[in-house]
C-alpha cells in the first residue's frame, strides 16, 4: 500500500523531532550536528522518494524545517520517543528496511559529527534501534 502525502509529511516531521532529540540530548545542539543533518537530508533523504508538501517542496525538507524550529524554540524532547513509537504503530508500512537503515545511519552521523558518540547518544540510538527493529512496539 502506498503511503499518502500527509502520512509521509508527518513521518518527516516526526524524524525532525527525533533527530532534534538526539542532537539536544546533551543540552546543546552543536552547529556541526546541524550541518551534518542538512548534508544527509540532501544526500540521502531527498532522493528517496518524490512526495511534495503544500509549498511544492520535497516533503523530506520537513525534517530540516521541524529540526530548525525546535532548535530556535528550545523544544522539550520528552515526548519525541513516545510520539514516534505511536506513529510507527499506526504507519508500519512507512518503515521499510531501507528507511530503518537510513534513520539509524542518520542518527549515528548526527551523534558522531561532534566529538564522536557520547554515552547518552549511544543509549538513545540503541533505544531507537530497538523501536525500529521490533515490529510489535
C-alpha atoms as a PDB file:
ATOM      1  CA  UNK A   1       0.000   0.000   0.000  1.00  0.00           C
ATOM      2  CA  UNK A   2       1.318   3.424  -0.967  1.00  0.00           C
ATOM      3  CA  UNK A   3       1.547   5.941   1.860  1.00  0.00           C
ATOM      4  CA  UNK A   4      -0.357   9.193   1.489  1.00  0.00           C
ATOM      5  CA  UNK A   5       1.389  12.541   1.114  1.00  0.00           C
ATOM      6  CA  UNK A   6       0.015  13.571   4.519  1.00  0.00           C
ATOM      7  CA  UNK A   7       1.436  10.427   6.145  1.00  0.00           C
ATOM      8  CA  UNK A   8       4.861  10.976   4.607  1.00  0.00           C
ATOM      9  CA  UNK A   9       4.889  14.653   5.579  1.00  0.00           C
ATOM     10  CA  UNK A  10       4.010  13.670   9.152  1.00  0.00           C
ATOM     11  CA  UNK A  11       6.724  10.987   9.041  1.00  0.00           C
ATOM     12  CA  UNK A  12       9.362  13.552   8.090  1.00  0.00           C
ATOM     13  CA  UNK A  13       8.139  15.868  10.839  1.00  0.00           C
ATOM     14  CA  UNK A  14       8.479  13.013  13.317  1.00  0.00           C
ATOM     15  CA  UNK A  15      12.048  12.497  12.115  1.00  0.00           C
ATOM     16  CA  UNK A  16      12.798  16.191  12.647  1.00  0.00           C
ATOM     17  CA  UNK A  17      11.673  15.810  16.258  1.00  0.00           C
ATOM     18  CA  UNK A  18      13.585  12.579  16.711  1.00  0.00           C
ATOM     19  CA  UNK A  19      16.837  13.925  15.272  1.00  0.00           C
ATOM     20  CA  UNK A  20      16.494  17.100  17.344  1.00  0.00           C
ATOM     21  CA  UNK A  21      16.012  14.980  20.469  1.00  0.00           C
ATOM     22  CA  UNK A  22      19.211  13.125  19.694  1.00  0.00           C
ATOM     23  CA  UNK A  23      21.205  16.262  18.899  1.00  0.00           C
ATOM     24  CA  UNK A  24      19.985  18.038  22.042  1.00  0.00           C
ATOM     25  CA  UNK A  25      20.386  15.102  24.412  1.00  0.00           C
ATOM     26  CA  UNK A  26      23.485  16.736  25.891  1.00  0.00           C
ATOM     27  CA  UNK A  27      21.513  20.002  26.372  1.00  0.00           C
ATOM     28  CA  UNK A  28      23.113  21.787  23.391  1.00  0.00           C
ATOM     29  CA  UNK A  29      22.713  21.367  19.648  1.00  0.00           C
ATOM     30  CA  UNK A  30      26.113  21.922  18.075  1.00  0.00           C
ATOM     31  CA  UNK A  31      26.492  23.633  14.705  1.00  0.00           C
ATOM     32  CA  UNK A  32      28.330  20.603  13.292  1.00  0.00           C
ATOM     33  CA  UNK A  33      25.287  18.434  14.119  1.00  0.00           C
ATOM     34  CA  UNK A  34      23.039  20.817  12.191  1.00  0.00           C
ATOM     35  CA  UNK A  35      25.399  20.917   9.211  1.00  0.00           C
ATOM     36  CA  UNK A  36      25.698  17.121   9.133  1.00  0.00           C
ATOM     37  CA  UNK A  37      21.920  16.663   9.311  1.00  0.00           C
ATOM     38  CA  UNK A  38      21.398  19.047   6.394  1.00  0.00           C
ATOM     39  CA  UNK A  39      24.039  17.203   4.354  1.00  0.00           C
ATOM     40  CA  UNK A  40      22.336  13.862   4.997  1.00  0.00           C
ATOM     41  CA  UNK A  41      18.929  15.283   4.100  1.00  0.00           C
ATOM     42  CA  UNK A  42      20.293  16.488   0.760  1.00  0.00           C
ATOM     43  CA  UNK A  43      22.341  13.384   0.008  1.00  0.00           C
ATOM     44  CA  UNK A  44      20.097  10.623   1.348  1.00  0.00           C
ATOM     45  CA  UNK A  45      16.546  11.721   2.204  1.00  0.00           C
ATOM     46  CA  UNK A  46      15.669  13.985  -0.759  1.00  0.00           C
ATOM     47  CA  UNK A  47      16.431  11.355  -3.436  1.00  0.00           C
ATOM     48  CA  UNK A  48      14.481   8.680  -1.539  1.00  0.00           C
ATOM     49  CA  UNK A  49      11.010   9.483  -2.893  1.00  0.00           C
ATOM     50  CA  UNK A  50       9.117  12.340  -4.565  1.00  0.00           C
ATOM     51  CA  UNK A  51       6.422  13.452  -2.127  1.00  0.00           C
ATOM     52  CA  UNK A  52       5.844  17.206  -2.142  1.00  0.00           C
ATOM     53  CA  UNK A  53       4.492  19.374   0.654  1.00  0.00           C
ATOM     54  CA  UNK A  54       1.875  22.107   0.270  1.00  0.00           C
ATOM     55  CA  UNK A  55       4.577  24.520  -0.950  1.00  0.00           C
ATOM     56  CA  UNK A  56       5.688  22.142  -3.746  1.00  0.00           C
ATOM     57  CA  UNK A  57       8.958  21.434  -1.941  1.00  0.00           C
ATOM     58  CA  UNK A  58      10.233  17.941  -1.341  1.00  0.00           C
ATOM     59  CA  UNK A  59       8.479  16.728   1.817  1.00  0.00           C
ATOM     60  CA  UNK A  60      11.797  15.443   3.179  1.00  0.00           C
ATOM     61  CA  UNK A  61      12.669  19.091   3.867  1.00  0.00           C
ATOM     62  CA  UNK A  62      10.151  18.802   6.719  1.00  0.00           C
ATOM     63  CA  UNK A  63      12.949  17.084   8.683  1.00  0.00           C
ATOM     64  CA  UNK A  64      15.074  20.222   8.435  1.00  0.00           C
ATOM     65  CA  UNK A  65      12.183  22.663   8.913  1.00  0.00           C
ATOM     66  CA  UNK A  66      10.982  20.978  12.099  1.00  0.00           C
ATOM     67  CA  UNK A  67      14.521  20.480  13.415  1.00  0.00           C
ATOM     68  CA  UNK A  68      15.364  24.169  12.880  1.00  0.00           C
ATOM     69  CA  UNK A  69      12.117  25.295  14.518  1.00  0.00           C
ATOM     70  CA  UNK A  70      12.814  23.097  17.530  1.00  0.00           C
ATOM     71  CA  UNK A  71      16.357  24.479  17.832  1.00  0.00           C
ATOM     72  CA  UNK A  72      15.027  28.044  17.701  1.00  0.00           C
ATOM     73  CA  UNK A  73      12.367  27.299  20.318  1.00  0.00           C
ATOM     74  CA  UNK A  74      14.380  25.077  22.686  1.00  0.00           C
ATOM     75  CA  UNK A  75      11.725  22.354  22.474  1.00  0.00           C
ATOM     76  CA  UNK A  76      11.162  19.864  25.301  1.00  0.00           C
ATOM     77  CA  UNK A  77      12.105  16.438  23.948  1.00  0.00           C
ATOM     78  CA  UNK A  78      10.334  14.231  26.481  1.00  0.00           C
ATOM     79  CA  UNK A  79       7.502  13.315  24.075  1.00  0.00           C
ATOM     80  CA  UNK A  80       9.607  12.606  20.980  1.00  0.00           C
ATOM     81  CA  UNK A  81      10.146   8.874  21.510  1.00  0.00           C
ATOM     82  CA  UNK A  82       6.566   8.083  22.646  1.00  0.00           C
ATOM     83  CA  UNK A  83       5.139  10.044  19.700  1.00  0.00           C
ATOM     84  CA  UNK A  84       7.500   8.270  17.308  1.00  0.00           C
ATOM     85  CA  UNK A  85       6.508   4.856  18.714  1.00  0.00           C
ATOM     86  CA  UNK A  86       2.829   5.737  18.257  1.00  0.00           C
ATOM     87  CA  UNK A  87       3.429   6.938  14.688  1.00  0.00           C
ATOM     88  CA  UNK A  88       5.290   3.720  13.892  1.00  0.00           C
ATOM     89  CA  UNK A  89       2.440   1.587  15.256  1.00  0.00           C
ATOM     90  CA  UNK A  90      -0.054   3.437  13.087  1.00  0.00           C
ATOM     91  CA  UNK A  91       2.087   3.513   9.933  1.00  0.00           C
ATOM     92  CA  UNK A  92       4.210   0.336   9.850  1.00  0.00           C
ATOM     93  CA  UNK A  93       4.234   0.405   6.036  1.00  0.00           C
ATOM     94  CA  UNK A  94       6.456   3.510   6.070  1.00  0.00           C
ATOM     95  CA  UNK A  95       9.194   1.603   7.885  1.00  0.00           C
ATOM     96  CA  UNK A  96      10.826  -0.418   5.145  1.00  0.00           C
ATOM     97  CA  UNK A  97      14.279  -1.888   5.710  1.00  0.00           C
ATOM     98  CA  UNK A  98      15.748   0.966   3.651  1.00  0.00           C
ATOM     99  CA  UNK A  99      14.012   3.584   5.812  1.00  0.00           C
ATOM    100  CA  UNK A 100      15.023   1.879   9.069  1.00  0.00           C
ATOM    101  CA  UNK A 101      18.655   1.707   7.947  1.00  0.00           C
ATOM    102  CA  UNK A 102      18.600   5.365   6.882  1.00  0.00           C
ATOM    103  CA  UNK A 103      17.083   6.544  10.183  1.00  0.00           C
ATOM    104  CA  UNK A 104      19.784   4.694  12.118  1.00  0.00           C
ATOM    105  CA  UNK A 105      22.526   5.898   9.777  1.00  0.00           C
ATOM    106  CA  UNK A 106      21.334   9.497  10.101  1.00  0.00           C
ATOM    107  CA  UNK A 107      21.213   9.167  13.887  1.00  0.00           C
ATOM    108  CA  UNK A 108      24.752   7.788  14.052  1.00  0.00           C
ATOM    109  CA  UNK A 109      26.030  10.501  11.707  1.00  0.00           C
ATOM    110  CA  UNK A 110      24.453  13.292  13.766  1.00  0.00           C
ATOM    111  CA  UNK A 111      25.776  11.854  17.018  1.00  0.00           C
ATOM    112  CA  UNK A 112      29.295  11.296  15.714  1.00  0.00           C
ATOM    113  CA  UNK A 113      29.594  14.680  13.991  1.00  0.00           C
ATOM    114  CA  UNK A 114      30.687  16.433  17.195  1.00  0.00           C
ATOM    115  CA  UNK A 115      33.256  14.688  19.414  1.00  0.00           C
ATOM    116  CA  UNK A 116      32.046  11.204  18.477  1.00  0.00           C
ATOM    117  CA  UNK A 117      29.072   9.407  20.008  1.00  0.00           C
ATOM    118  CA  UNK A 118      28.736  10.005  23.742  1.00  0.00           C
ATOM    119  CA  UNK A 119      27.083   7.670  26.249  1.00  0.00           C
ATOM    120  CA  UNK A 120      23.678   9.429  26.224  1.00  0.00           C
ATOM    121  CA  UNK A 121      23.600   9.455  22.425  1.00  0.00           C
ATOM    122  CA  UNK A 122      24.503   5.763  22.292  1.00  0.00           C
ATOM    123  CA  UNK A 123      21.665   4.913  24.687  1.00  0.00           C
ATOM    124  CA  UNK A 124      19.250   6.937  22.502  1.00  0.00           C
ATOM    125  CA  UNK A 125      20.461   5.200  19.316  1.00  0.00           C
ATOM    126  CA  UNK A 126      20.165   1.779  20.959  1.00  0.00           C
ATOM    127  CA  UNK A 127      16.613   2.608  22.080  1.00  0.00           C
ATOM    128  CA  UNK A 128      15.761   3.816  18.586  1.00  0.00           C
ATOM    129  CA  UNK A 129      17.244   0.668  17.053  1.00  0.00           C
ATOM    130  CA  UNK A 130      15.037  -1.432  19.322  1.00  0.00           C
ATOM    131  CA  UNK A 131      11.948   0.554  18.348  1.00  0.00           C
ATOM    132  CA  UNK A 132      12.695   0.311  14.648  1.00  0.00           C
ATOM    133  CA  UNK A 133      13.610  -3.354  14.530  1.00  0.00           C
ATOM    134  CA  UNK A 134      10.803  -4.579  16.798  1.00  0.00           C
ATOM    135  CA  UNK A 135       7.571  -4.656  14.797  1.00  0.00           C
ATOM    136  CA  UNK A 136       5.425  -5.313  17.882  1.00  0.00           C
ATOM    137  CA  UNK A 137       6.009  -1.923  19.583  1.00  0.00           C
END
